[in-house]
Amino acid sequence: MDIQGKKILITGGAGFIGSHLVDRLLEMGNKVIVYDNFDEFYSGKERNIEHNLKNRNFKLIKNDILNFETLNSALKEVDIVFHEAAQCGVRYSIENPEKANRVNVDGTLNVLIASKKNKVKKLIVASSSSVFGNPIYAPMDENHPTNPNSPYGVSKLAAEKYCISFHEVYGMDIVCLRYFSVYGPRGRPDQVIHIFTSALFNKISPTIFGDGNQTRDFTFISDVVDATILAAECENVGGEVFNIGCGEEVKINDAFYKIAKILGSKIRPNYAGSYKGEFPRTYADNRKAQRLLGWKPKVSLDEGIKIFINWFTETYGN
């Protein structure tokens, strides 16, 4: 599917991943609508999109995906939807399970129904590696059992199931992408790379929950944007779910010391007990995305951390 010159709506388009998608899609010559409620879960999203506010192909709608009437109206004549809006955070969801369910399940259902009503041609939906829960084997492929152990993971899996059912029942062209530990410029302040960088930059010892030997598959934002756009462009992948992860397993401790080395810091982390809902490892088998989408990650963790630190310094240096 040629997605250039299309009318595109991005839910959560002022957020981390969404705002990077906006930039890329505008560069491709699309008309882009950002639909975002600027939830107080974290601040600063306004600056993610401020550079696009005067672009004649850019439109901002400040509203909530839980407001069906406004969402339905916003989707008139839209060709493609990228559904990035979510209530993120495993630990946050443990304290706020009702909100995670409202936003991630009810909100996704609203997006699906409104997209169906408006005959949207394609819908790309952000899911998460959290749907797997504690791994039975690794790397985890898309057929790995899904046993989420947090309200966040459950809500994202339920959203996936709704997407697949709408594809099967209504014939909608929908693709779900399971993102693995995305990081990079504009990253959320609750994400581990951001937490470590901010702490060391401010000469504070950050807290690592658990012993730090748990692993994550850190995936750089530009690689995630590449995969997300390829999912929209590729034909005959409706109803599919893809792992979007770098395919490299990295210990949390190792990620911390990479950042410390670049910053020339001798600070050491504090350790606290692991929390319920934590999982010992994430490690993506991304061969399906490589085979069907033609996607391959390009940015190594060392390179990505340097880019992030440069952005962090420019953004918060003063």
C-alpha atoms as a PDB file:
ATOM      1  CA  MET A   1       0.000   0.000   0.000  1.00  0.00           C
ATOM      2  CA  ASP A   2       1.391   3.375  -0.985  1.00  0.00           C
ATOM      3  CA  ILE A   3       0.905   5.520   2.104  1.00  0.00           C
ATOM      4  CA  GLN A   4       2.333   8.751   0.712  1.00  0.00           C
ATOM      5  CA  GLY A   5      -0.091  11.622   0.312  1.00  0.00           C
ATOM      6  CA  LYS A   6      -2.663  10.037   2.625  1.00  0.00           C
ATOM      7  CA  LYS A   7      -4.784  11.488   5.408  1.00  0.00           C
ATOM      8  CA  ILE A   8      -3.520   9.862   8.591  1.00  0.00           C
ATOM      9  CA  LEU A   9      -4.631  10.043  12.214  1.00  0.00           C
ATOM     10  CA  ILE A  10      -2.296   9.121  15.071  1.00  0.00           C
ATOM     11  CA  THR A  11      -3.822   8.553  18.492  1.00  0.00           C
ATOM     12  CA  GLY A  12      -1.322   9.515  21.161  1.00  0.00           C
ATOM     13  CA  GLY A  13       0.490  11.456  18.482  1.00  0.00           C
ATOM     14  CA  ALA A  14       2.110  13.863  20.933  1.00  0.00           C
ATOM     15  CA  GLY A  15       3.721  11.041  22.871  1.00  0.00           C
ATOM     16  CA  PHE A  16       7.102   9.403  22.500  1.00  0.00           C
ATOM     17  CA  ILE A  17       6.553   7.000  19.611  1.00  0.00           C
ATOM     18  CA  GLY A  18       3.608   8.908  18.181  1.00  0.00           C
ATOM     19  CA  SER A  19       5.481  12.190  17.771  1.00  0.00           C
ATOM     20  CA  HIS A  20       8.332  10.481  15.916  1.00  0.00           C
ATOM     21  CA  LEU A  21       5.772   8.884  13.603  1.00  0.00           C
ATOM     22  CA  VAL A  22       4.292  12.334  12.988  1.00  0.00           C
ATOM     23  CA  ASP A  23       7.663  13.698  11.885  1.00  0.00           C
ATOM     24  CA  ARG A  24       8.304  10.829   9.479  1.00  0.00           C
ATOM     25  CA  LEU A  25       4.820  10.850   7.979  1.00  0.00           C
ATOM     26  CA  LEU A  26       4.898  14.611   7.408  1.00  0.00           C
ATOM     27  CA  GLU A  27       8.259  14.217   5.666  1.00  0.00           C
ATOM     28  CA  MET A  28       6.565  11.698   3.362  1.00  0.00           C
ATOM     29  CA  GLY A  29       3.997  14.290   2.296  1.00  0.00           C
ATOM     30  CA  ASN A  30       1.008  13.114   4.317  1.00  0.00           C
ATOM     31  CA  LYS A  31      -1.695  15.091   6.053  1.00  0.00           C
ATOM     32  CA  VAL A  32      -1.379  14.143   9.715  1.00  0.00           C
ATOM     33  CA  ILE A  33      -3.907  14.547  12.506  1.00  0.00           C
ATOM     34  CA  VAL A  34      -2.639  14.152  16.063  1.00  0.00           C
ATOM     35  CA  TYR A  35      -5.339  13.054  18.482  1.00  0.00           C
ATOM     36  CA  ASP A  36      -4.004  13.299  22.041  1.00  0.00           C
ATOM     37  CA  ASN A  37      -5.467  14.139  25.439  1.00  0.00           C
ATOM     38  CA  PHE A  38      -2.109  15.209  26.974  1.00  0.00           C
ATOM     39  CA  ASP A  39      -2.760  13.035  30.012  1.00  0.00           C
ATOM     40  CA  GLU A  40      -0.986  14.137  33.182  1.00  0.00           C
ATOM     41  CA  PHE A  41       0.712  10.725  33.486  1.00  0.00           C
ATOM     42  CA  TYR A  42       3.774  12.640  32.361  1.00  0.00           C
ATOM     43  CA  SER A  43       4.357  16.222  31.231  1.00  0.00           C
ATOM     44  CA  GLY A  44       6.284  17.837  28.415  1.00  0.00           C
ATOM     45  CA  LYS A  45       4.549  16.282  25.423  1.00  0.00           C
ATOM     46  CA  GLU A  46       3.735  19.713  24.021  1.00  0.00           C
ATOM     47  CA  ARG A  47       7.351  20.211  23.011  1.00  0.00           C
ATOM     48  CA  ASN A  48       7.316  16.918  21.083  1.00  0.00           C
ATOM     49  CA  ILE A  49       5.051  18.442  18.446  1.00  0.00           C
ATOM     50  CA  GLU A  50       5.584  22.190  18.750  1.00  0.00           C
ATOM     51  CA  HIS A  51       7.890  22.259  15.732  1.00  0.00           C
ATOM     52  CA  ASN A  52       5.013  20.995  13.556  1.00  0.00           C
ATOM     53  CA  LEU A  53       2.277  23.367  14.713  1.00  0.00           C
ATOM     54  CA  LYS A  54       2.729  25.734  11.756  1.00  0.00           C
ATOM     55  CA  ASN A  55       2.896  22.960   9.174  1.00  0.00           C
ATOM     56  CA  ARG A  56      -0.198  23.255   6.964  1.00  0.00           C
ATOM     57  CA  ASN A  57      -0.377  19.440   6.734  1.00  0.00           C
ATOM     58  CA  PHE A  58      -0.509  19.080  10.522  1.00  0.00           C
ATOM     59  CA  LYS A  59      -3.622  19.240  12.697  1.00  0.00           C
ATOM     60  CA  LEU A  60      -3.902  18.820  16.464  1.00  0.00           C
ATOM     61  CA  ILE A  61      -7.050  17.627  18.203  1.00  0.00           C
ATOM     62  CA  LYS A  62      -6.836  17.725  21.993  1.00  0.00           C
ATOM     63  CA  ASN A  63      -9.254  15.066  23.139  1.00  0.00           C
ATOM     64  CA  ASP A  64      -9.566  11.592  24.591  1.00  0.00           C
ATOM     65  CA  ILE A  65     -10.062   8.288  22.757  1.00  0.00           C
ATOM     66  CA  LEU A  66     -12.688   7.560  25.410  1.00  0.00           C
ATOM     67  CA  ASN A  67     -14.761  10.386  23.902  1.00  0.00           C
ATOM     68  CA  PHE A  68     -16.309   8.395  21.070  1.00  0.00           C
ATOM     69  CA  GLU A  69     -18.210  11.201  19.351  1.00  0.00           C
ATOM     70  CA  THR A  70     -15.150  13.428  18.997  1.00  0.00           C
ATOM     71  CA  LEU A  71     -13.002  10.503  17.895  1.00  0.00           C
ATOM     72  CA  ASN A  72     -15.580   9.391  15.346  1.00  0.00           C
ATOM     73  CA  SER A  73     -15.764  12.910  13.921  1.00  0.00           C
ATOM     74  CA  ALA A  74     -11.961  13.189  13.761  1.00  0.00           C
ATOM     75  CA  LEU A  75     -11.785  10.015  11.650  1.00  0.00           C
ATOM     76  CA  LYS A  76     -13.908  11.325   8.794  1.00  0.00           C
ATOM     77  CA  GLU A  77     -12.124  10.708   5.457  1.00  0.00           C
ATOM     78  CA  VAL A  78      -9.042   9.335   7.237  1.00  0.00           C
ATOM     79  CA  ASP A  79      -7.171   6.674   5.232  1.00  0.00           C
ATOM     80  CA  ILE A  80      -4.866   5.190   7.886  1.00  0.00           C
ATOM     81  CA  VAL A  81      -4.884   5.129  11.683  1.00  0.00           C
ATOM     82  CA  PHE A  82      -1.832   4.549  13.851  1.00  0.00           C
ATOM     83  CA  HIS A  83      -3.182   3.754  17.314  1.00  0.00           C
ATOM     84  CA  GLU A  84      -0.388   4.682  19.731  1.00  0.00           C
ATOM     85  CA  ALA A  85      -2.479   6.083  22.593  1.00  0.00           C
ATOM     86  CA  ALA A  86      -2.218   3.995  25.756  1.00  0.00           C
ATOM     87  CA  GLN A  87      -1.926   4.076  29.485  1.00  0.00           C
ATOM     88  CA  CYS A  88       1.636   2.836  29.761  1.00  0.00           C
ATOM     89  CA  GLY A  89       3.624   1.517  32.672  1.00  0.00           C
ATOM     90  CA  VAL A  90       3.607  -1.898  34.322  1.00  0.00           C
ATOM     91  CA  ARG A  91       4.111  -0.495  37.831  1.00  0.00           C
ATOM     92  CA  TYR A  92       1.591   2.284  37.214  1.00  0.00           C
ATOM     93  CA  SER A  93      -1.010  -0.247  36.113  1.00  0.00           C
ATOM     94  CA  ILE A  94      -0.577  -2.225  39.324  1.00  0.00           C
ATOM     95  CA  GLU A  95      -1.629   0.874  41.263  1.00  0.00           C
ATOM     96  CA  ASN A  96      -4.228   1.956  38.685  1.00  0.00           C
ATOM     97  CA  PRO A  97      -5.690  -1.155  37.025  1.00  0.00           C
ATOM     98  CA  GLU A  98      -9.020   0.480  36.210  1.00  0.00           C
ATOM     99  CA  LYS A  99      -7.372   3.272  34.240  1.00  0.00           C
ATOM    100  CA  ALA A 100      -5.182   0.819  32.323  1.00  0.00           C
ATOM    101  CA  ASN A 101      -8.302  -1.100  31.351  1.00  0.00           C
ATOM    102  CA  ARG A 102     -10.321   1.988  30.397  1.00  0.00           C
ATOM    103  CA  VAL A 103      -7.665   3.487  28.169  1.00  0.00           C
ATOM    104  CA  ASN A 104      -6.108   0.367  26.665  1.00  0.00           C
ATOM    105  CA  VAL A 105      -9.209  -1.790  26.257  1.00  0.00           C
ATOM    106  CA  ASP A 106     -12.225   0.543  26.077  1.00  0.00           C
ATOM    107  CA  GLY A 107     -10.175   3.160  24.219  1.00  0.00           C
ATOM    108  CA  THR A 108      -8.947   0.643  21.667  1.00  0.00           C
ATOM    109  CA  LEU A 109     -12.494  -0.610  21.152  1.00  0.00           C
ATOM    110  CA  ASN A 110     -13.587   2.972  20.453  1.00  0.00           C
ATOM    111  CA  VAL A 111     -10.797   3.344  17.883  1.00  0.00           C
ATOM    112  CA  LEU A 112     -11.830   0.102  16.199  1.00  0.00           C
ATOM    113  CA  ILE A 113     -15.536   0.955  16.058  1.00  0.00           C
ATOM    114  CA  ALA A 114     -14.903   4.504  14.822  1.00  0.00           C
ATOM    115  CA  SER A 115     -12.437   3.225  12.210  1.00  0.00           C
ATOM    116  CA  LYS A 116     -15.015   0.718  11.008  1.00  0.00           C
ATOM    117  CA  LYS A 117     -17.740   3.381  10.796  1.00  0.00           C
ATOM    118  CA  ASN A 118     -15.454   5.657   8.785  1.00  0.00           C
ATOM    119  CA  LYS A 119     -14.153   2.897   6.504  1.00  0.00           C
ATOM    120  CA  VAL A 120     -10.508   3.451   7.455  1.00  0.00           C
ATOM    121  CA  LYS A 121      -8.361   1.505   5.000  1.00  0.00           C
ATOM    122  CA  LYS A 122      -5.675   0.359   7.443  1.00  0.00           C
ATOM    123  CA  LEU A 123      -5.118   0.366  11.186  1.00  0.00           C
ATOM    124  CA  ILE A 124      -1.743  -0.195  12.881  1.00  0.00           C
ATOM    125  CA  VAL A 125      -2.036  -0.840  16.613  1.00  0.00           C
ATOM    126  CA  ALA A 126       0.726  -0.558  19.209  1.00  0.00           C
ATOM    127  CA  SER A 127       0.936  -3.560  21.509  1.00  0.00           C
ATOM    128  CA  SER A 128       3.679  -4.573  23.926  1.00  0.00           C
ATOM    129  CA  SER A 129       6.066  -7.363  24.846  1.00  0.00           C
ATOM    130  CA  SER A 130       4.336  -7.261  28.243  1.00  0.00           C
ATOM    131  CA  VAL A 131       1.642  -9.545  26.794  1.00  0.00           C
ATOM    132  CA  PHE A 132       4.079 -12.463  27.170  1.00  0.00           C
ATOM    133  CA  GLY A 133       4.581 -12.232  30.936  1.00  0.00           C
ATOM    134  CA  ASN A 134       7.262 -14.520  32.339  1.00  0.00           C
ATOM    135  CA  PRO A 135       8.977 -16.206  29.388  1.00  0.00           C
ATOM    136  CA  ILE A 136       8.852 -19.962  28.955  1.00  0.00           C
ATOM    137  CA  TYR A 137      11.589 -19.799  26.334  1.00  0.00           C
ATOM    138  CA  ALA A 138      13.660 -17.084  24.710  1.00  0.00           C
ATOM    139  CA  PRO A 139      13.931 -15.485  22.315  1.00  0.00           C
ATOM    140  CA  MET A 140      10.140 -15.222  22.296  1.00  0.00           C
ATOM    141  CA  ASP A 141       8.442 -15.570  18.933  1.00  0.00           C
ATOM    142  CA  GLU A 142       4.885 -14.492  18.199  1.00  0.00           C
ATOM    143  CA  ASN A 143       3.598 -17.982  19.075  1.00  0.00           C
ATOM    144  CA  HIS A 144       5.064 -17.870  22.567  1.00  0.00           C
ATOM    145  CA  PRO A 145       2.264 -18.309  25.148  1.00  0.00           C
ATOM    146  CA  THR A 146       0.755 -15.043  26.357  1.00  0.00           C
ATOM    147  CA  ASN A 147       0.418 -15.059  30.142  1.00  0.00           C
ATOM    148  CA  PRO A 148       0.676 -11.405  31.181  1.00  0.00           C
ATOM    149  CA  ASN A 149       1.365 -10.882  34.868  1.00  0.00           C
ATOM    150  CA  SER A 150       0.347  -7.214  35.180  1.00  0.00           C
ATOM    151  CA  PRO A 151      -2.850  -5.252  34.502  1.00  0.00           C
ATOM    152  CA  TYR A 152      -0.949  -3.406  31.768  1.00  0.00           C
ATOM    153  CA  GLY A 153      -0.011  -6.630  29.988  1.00  0.00           C
ATOM    154  CA  VAL A 154      -3.544  -7.980  30.321  1.00  0.00           C
ATOM    155  CA  SER A 155      -5.017  -4.781  28.886  1.00  0.00           C
ATOM    156  CA  LYS A 156      -2.675  -4.822  25.888  1.00  0.00           C
ATOM    157  CA  LEU A 157      -3.442  -8.471  25.193  1.00  0.00           C
ATOM    158  CA  ALA A 158      -7.184  -7.766  25.381  1.00  0.00           C
ATOM    159  CA  ALA A 159      -6.688  -4.908  22.904  1.00  0.00           C
ATOM    160  CA  GLU A 160      -4.836  -7.283  20.569  1.00  0.00           C
ATOM    161  CA  LYS A 161      -7.680  -9.792  20.778  1.00  0.00           C
ATOM    162  CA  TYR A 162     -10.211  -7.118  19.884  1.00  0.00           C
ATOM    163  CA  CYS A 163      -8.097  -6.122  16.876  1.00  0.00           C
ATOM    164  CA  ILE A 164      -7.840  -9.680  15.580  1.00  0.00           C
ATOM    165  CA  SER A 165     -11.579 -10.212  16.057  1.00  0.00           C
ATOM    166  CA  PHE A 166     -12.392  -7.044  14.083  1.00  0.00           C
ATOM    167  CA  HIS A 167     -10.121  -8.276  11.306  1.00  0.00           C
ATOM    168  CA  GLU A 168     -11.784 -11.687  11.234  1.00  0.00           C
ATOM    169  CA  VAL A 169     -15.405 -10.557  11.667  1.00  0.00           C
ATOM    170  CA  TYR A 170     -15.443  -7.293   9.711  1.00  0.00           C
ATOM    171  CA  GLY A 171     -12.547  -7.819   7.314  1.00  0.00           C
ATOM    172  CA  MET A 172     -10.673  -4.761   8.577  1.00  0.00           C
ATOM    173  CA  ASP A 173      -7.006  -4.449   7.640  1.00  0.00           C
ATOM    174  CA  ILE A 174      -5.400  -4.369  11.104  1.00  0.00           C
ATOM    175  CA  VAL A 175      -1.839  -5.130  12.209  1.00  0.00           C
ATOM    176  CA  CYS A 176      -0.628  -5.329  15.826  1.00  0.00           C
ATOM    177  CA  LEU A 177       2.985  -4.571  16.751  1.00  0.00           C
ATOM    178  CA  ARG A 178       4.492  -5.818  19.995  1.00  0.00           C
ATOM    179  CA  TYR A 179       7.085  -3.189  20.849  1.00  0.00           C
ATOM    180  CA  PHE A 180      10.048  -4.234  23.008  1.00  0.00           C
ATOM    181  CA  SER A 181      11.561  -1.636  25.421  1.00  0.00           C
ATOM    182  CA  VAL A 182      11.571   1.324  23.045  1.00  0.00           C
ATOM    183  CA  TYR A 183      14.005   4.125  23.930  1.00  0.00           C
ATOM    184  CA  GLY A 184      15.403   7.261  22.333  1.00  0.00           C
ATOM    185  CA  PRO A 185      14.917  11.046  22.193  1.00  0.00           C
ATOM    186  CA  ARG A 186      11.575  12.159  23.709  1.00  0.00           C
ATOM    187  CA  GLY A 187      11.455   8.928  25.702  1.00  0.00           C
ATOM    188  CA  ARG A 188       9.104   8.867  28.682  1.00  0.00           C
ATOM    189  CA  PRO A 189      10.682   9.817  32.026  1.00  0.00           C
ATOM    190  CA  ASP A 190       9.588   6.498  33.570  1.00  0.00           C
ATOM    191  CA  GLN A 191      11.647   4.477  31.071  1.00  0.00           C
ATOM    192  CA  VAL A 192      14.860   2.939  32.347  1.00  0.00           C
ATOM    193  CA  ILE A 193      17.299   4.591  29.903  1.00  0.00           C
ATOM    194  CA  HIS A 194      15.776   7.974  30.749  1.00  0.00           C
ATOM    195  CA  ILE A 195      15.829   7.241  34.498  1.00  0.00           C
ATOM    196  CA  PHE A 196      19.508   6.249  34.485  1.00  0.00           C
ATOM    197  CA  THR A 197      20.593   9.175  32.311  1.00  0.00           C
ATOM    198  CA  SER A 198      18.655  11.720  34.351  1.00  0.00           C
ATOM    199  CA  ALA A 199      19.995  10.392  37.645  1.00  0.00           C
ATOM    200  CA  LEU A 200      23.625  10.322  36.552  1.00  0.00           C
ATOM    201  CA  PHE A 201      23.330  13.696  34.842  1.00  0.00           C
ATOM    202  CA  ASN A 202      22.133  15.118  38.155  1.00  0.00           C
ATOM    203  CA  LYS A 203      24.724  13.166  40.176  1.00  0.00           C
ATOM    204  CA  ILE A 204      22.107  10.986  41.861  1.00  0.00           C
ATOM    205  CA  SER A 205      22.271   7.249  42.391  1.00  0.00           C
ATOM    206  CA  PRO A 206      19.278   5.635  40.621  1.00  0.00           C
ATOM    207  CA  THR A 207      17.337   2.681  42.014  1.00  0.00           C
ATOM    208  CA  ILE A 208      17.332  -0.656  40.213  1.00  0.00           C
ATOM    209  CA  PHE A 209      14.517  -2.988  41.248  1.00  0.00           C
ATOM    210  CA  GLY A 210      15.806  -6.528  41.642  1.00  0.00           C
ATOM    211  CA  ASP A 211      19.450  -7.479  41.213  1.00  0.00           C
ATOM    212  CA  GLY A 212      19.868  -5.839  37.793  1.00  0.00           C
ATOM    213  CA  ASN A 213      20.469  -9.146  36.042  1.00  0.00           C
ATOM    214  CA  GLN A 214      17.008  -9.096  34.508  1.00  0.00           C
ATOM    215  CA  THR A 215      17.213  -8.395  30.792  1.00  0.00           C
ATOM    216  CA  ARG A 216      15.478  -6.193  28.261  1.00  0.00           C
ATOM    217  CA  ASP A 217      15.521  -6.055  24.483  1.00  0.00           C
ATOM    218  CA  PHE A 218      16.144  -2.329  24.006  1.00  0.00           C
ATOM    219  CA  THR A 219      14.890  -1.088  20.630  1.00  0.00           C
ATOM    220  CA  PHE A 220      15.732   2.359  19.274  1.00  0.00           C
ATOM    221  CA  ILE A 221      12.917   4.703  18.299  1.00  0.00           C
ATOM    222  CA  SER A 222      13.918   5.134  14.637  1.00  0.00           C
ATOM    223  CA  ASP A 223      13.871   1.362  14.171  1.00  0.00           C
ATOM    224  CA  VAL A 224      10.399   1.217  15.722  1.00  0.00           C
ATOM    225  CA  VAL A 225       9.159   3.963  13.401  1.00  0.00           C
ATOM    226  CA  ASP A 226      10.606   2.084  10.411  1.00  0.00           C
ATOM    227  CA  ALA A 227       8.748  -1.076  11.409  1.00  0.00           C
ATOM    228  CA  THR A 228       5.503   0.769  12.075  1.00  0.00           C
ATOM    229  CA  ILE A 229       5.496   2.410   8.660  1.00  0.00           C
ATOM    230  CA  LEU A 230       6.453  -0.834   6.926  1.00  0.00           C
ATOM    231  CA  ALA A 231       3.480  -2.505   8.614  1.00  0.00           C
ATOM    232  CA  ALA A 232       1.234   0.106   7.025  1.00  0.00           C
ATOM    233  CA  GLU A 233       2.860  -0.241   3.616  1.00  0.00           C
ATOM    234  CA  CYS A 234       2.906  -4.035   3.411  1.00  0.00           C
ATOM    235  CA  GLU A 235       0.022  -5.809   1.741  1.00  0.00           C
ATOM    236  CA  ASN A 236      -1.552  -9.050   2.931  1.00  0.00           C
ATOM    237  CA  VAL A 237      -0.481  -8.803   6.579  1.00  0.00           C
ATOM    238  CA  GLY A 238      -3.905  -7.928   8.006  1.00  0.00           C
ATOM    239  CA  GLY A 239      -4.655  -9.854  11.180  1.00  0.00           C
ATOM    240  CA  GLU A 240      -0.971 -10.460  11.900  1.00  0.00           C
ATOM    241  CA  VAL A 241       0.943  -9.724  15.093  1.00  0.00           C
ATOM    242  CA  PHE A 242       4.647  -8.850  14.926  1.00  0.00           C
ATOM    243  CA  ASN A 243       7.440  -8.635  17.484  1.00  0.00           C
ATOM    244  CA  ILE A 244       9.281  -5.353  17.038  1.00  0.00           C
ATOM    245  CA  GLY A 245      12.442  -5.807  19.059  1.00  0.00           C
ATOM    246  CA  CYS A 246      16.127  -5.398  18.358  1.00  0.00           C
ATOM    247  CA  GLY A 247      16.810  -9.091  18.992  1.00  0.00           C
ATOM    248  CA  GLU A 248      19.498  -8.487  21.619  1.00  0.00           C
ATOM    249  CA  GLU A 249      19.209  -9.387  25.298  1.00  0.00           C
ATOM    250  CA  VAL A 250      20.866  -6.848  27.621  1.00  0.00           C
ATOM    251  CA  LYS A 251      21.102  -6.890  31.406  1.00  0.00           C
ATOM    252  CA  ILE A 252      19.736  -3.827  33.184  1.00  0.00           C
ATOM    253  CA  ASN A 253      23.084  -3.532  35.003  1.00  0.00           C
ATOM    254  CA  ASP A 254      24.942  -3.493  31.689  1.00  0.00           C
ATOM    255  CA  ALA A 255      22.674  -0.762  30.314  1.00  0.00           C
ATOM    256  CA  PHE A 256      23.360   1.333  33.412  1.00  0.00           C
ATOM    257  CA  TYR A 257      27.131   1.004  33.156  1.00  0.00           C
ATOM    258  CA  LYS A 258      27.078   1.832  29.440  1.00  0.00           C
ATOM    259  CA  ILE A 259      25.407   5.131  30.303  1.00  0.00           C
ATOM    260  CA  ALA A 260      27.740   5.740  33.237  1.00  0.00           C
ATOM    261  CA  LYS A 261      30.784   5.163  31.055  1.00  0.00           C
ATOM    262  CA  ILE A 262      29.648   7.635  28.389  1.00  0.00           C
ATOM    263  CA  LEU A 263      28.897  10.250  31.064  1.00  0.00           C
ATOM    264  CA  GLY A 264      32.172   9.547  32.858  1.00  0.00           C
ATOM    265  CA  SER A 265      30.274   8.880  36.085  1.00  0.00           C
ATOM    266  CA  LYS A 266      31.551   6.799  38.999  1.00  0.00           C
ATOM    267  CA  ILE A 267      28.129   6.737  40.679  1.00  0.00           C
ATOM    268  CA  ARG A 268      26.747   3.293  41.441  1.00  0.00           C
ATOM    269  CA  PRO A 269      23.088   2.324  41.561  1.00  0.00           C
ATOM    270  CA  ASN A 270      21.027   1.450  44.606  1.00  0.00           C
ATOM    271  CA  TYR A 271      19.125  -1.824  44.600  1.00  0.00           C
ATOM    272  CA  ALA A 272      15.628  -2.476  45.885  1.00  0.00           C
ATOM    273  CA  GLY A 273      13.381  -5.511  45.901  1.00  0.00           C
ATOM    274  CA  SER A 274      11.732  -6.480  42.634  1.00  0.00           C
ATOM    275  CA  TYR A 275       8.069  -5.618  42.279  1.00  0.00           C
ATOM    276  CA  LYS A 276       5.125  -7.822  41.383  1.00  0.00           C
ATOM    277  CA  GLY A 277       4.479  -7.784  37.659  1.00  0.00           C
ATOM    278  CA  GLU A 278       8.212  -7.646  36.919  1.00  0.00           C
ATOM    279  CA  PHE A 279       9.554 -10.240  34.496  1.00  0.00           C
ATOM    280  CA  PRO A 280      13.098 -11.637  34.380  1.00  0.00           C
ATOM    281  CA  ARG A 281      13.792 -11.196  30.683  1.00  0.00           C
ATOM    282  CA  THR A 282      12.538  -9.936  27.356  1.00  0.00           C
ATOM    283  CA  TYR A 283      14.216 -11.052  24.174  1.00  0.00           C
ATOM    284  CA  ALA A 284      12.492 -10.769  20.822  1.00  0.00           C
ATOM    285  CA  ASP A 285      12.552 -13.265  18.011  1.00  0.00           C
ATOM    286  CA  ASN A 286      12.003 -10.734  15.214  1.00  0.00           C
ATOM    287  CA  ARG A 287      12.348 -13.078  12.229  1.00  0.00           C
ATOM    288  CA  LYS A 288       8.678 -12.798  11.303  1.00  0.00           C
ATOM    289  CA  ALA A 289       8.967  -9.011  10.953  1.00  0.00           C
ATOM    290  CA  GLN A 290      12.129  -9.440   8.927  1.00  0.00           C
ATOM    291  CA  ARG A 291      10.472 -11.983   6.638  1.00  0.00           C
ATOM    292  CA  LEU A 292       7.053 -10.402   6.075  1.00  0.00           C
ATOM    293  CA  LEU A 293       7.719  -6.690   6.607  1.00  0.00           C
ATOM    294  CA  GLY A 294      11.266  -6.531   5.316  1.00  0.00           C
ATOM    295  CA  TRP A 295      12.294  -4.883   8.585  1.00  0.00           C
ATOM    296  CA  LYS A 296      15.639  -5.113  10.269  1.00  0.00           C
ATOM    297  CA  PRO A 297      16.846  -3.016  13.219  1.00  0.00           C
ATOM    298  CA  LYS A 298      19.793  -0.769  12.427  1.00  0.00           C
ATOM    299  CA  VAL A 299      20.749   1.052  15.637  1.00  0.00           C
ATOM    300  CA  SER A 300      22.891  -0.709  18.249  1.00  0.00           C
ATOM    301  CA  LEU A 301      22.380  -0.030  21.943  1.00  0.00           C
ATOM    302  CA  ASP A 302      25.746   1.737  22.206  1.00  0.00           C
ATOM    303  CA  GLU A 303      24.860   4.058  19.330  1.00  0.00           C
ATOM    304  CA  GLY A 304      21.314   4.606  20.558  1.00  0.00           C
ATOM    305  CA  ILE A 305      22.419   5.518  24.075  1.00  0.00           C
ATOM    306  CA  LYS A 306      24.845   8.108  22.702  1.00  0.00           C
ATOM    307  CA  ILE A 307      22.066   9.659  20.617  1.00  0.00           C
ATOM    308  CA  PHE A 308      19.754   9.688  23.625  1.00  0.00           C
ATOM    309  CA  ILE A 309      22.355  11.285  25.908  1.00  0.00           C
ATOM    310  CA  ASN A 310      23.052  13.997  23.328  1.00  0.00           C
ATOM    311  CA  TRP A 311      19.326  14.742  23.105  1.00  0.00           C
ATOM    312  CA  PHE A 312      18.948  14.702  26.905  1.00  0.00           C
ATOM    313  CA  THR A 313      21.857  17.106  27.317  1.00  0.00           C
ATOM    314  CA  GLU A 314      20.471  19.512  24.714  1.00  0.00           C
ATOM    315  CA  THR A 315      16.968  19.321  26.202  1.00  0.00           C
ATOM    316  CA  TYR A 316      17.700  19.408  29.935  1.00  0.00           C
ATOM    317  CA  GLY A 317      21.262  20.693  30.047  1.00  0.00           C
ATOM    318  CA  ASN A 318      20.301  23.998  31.595  1.00  0.00           C
END
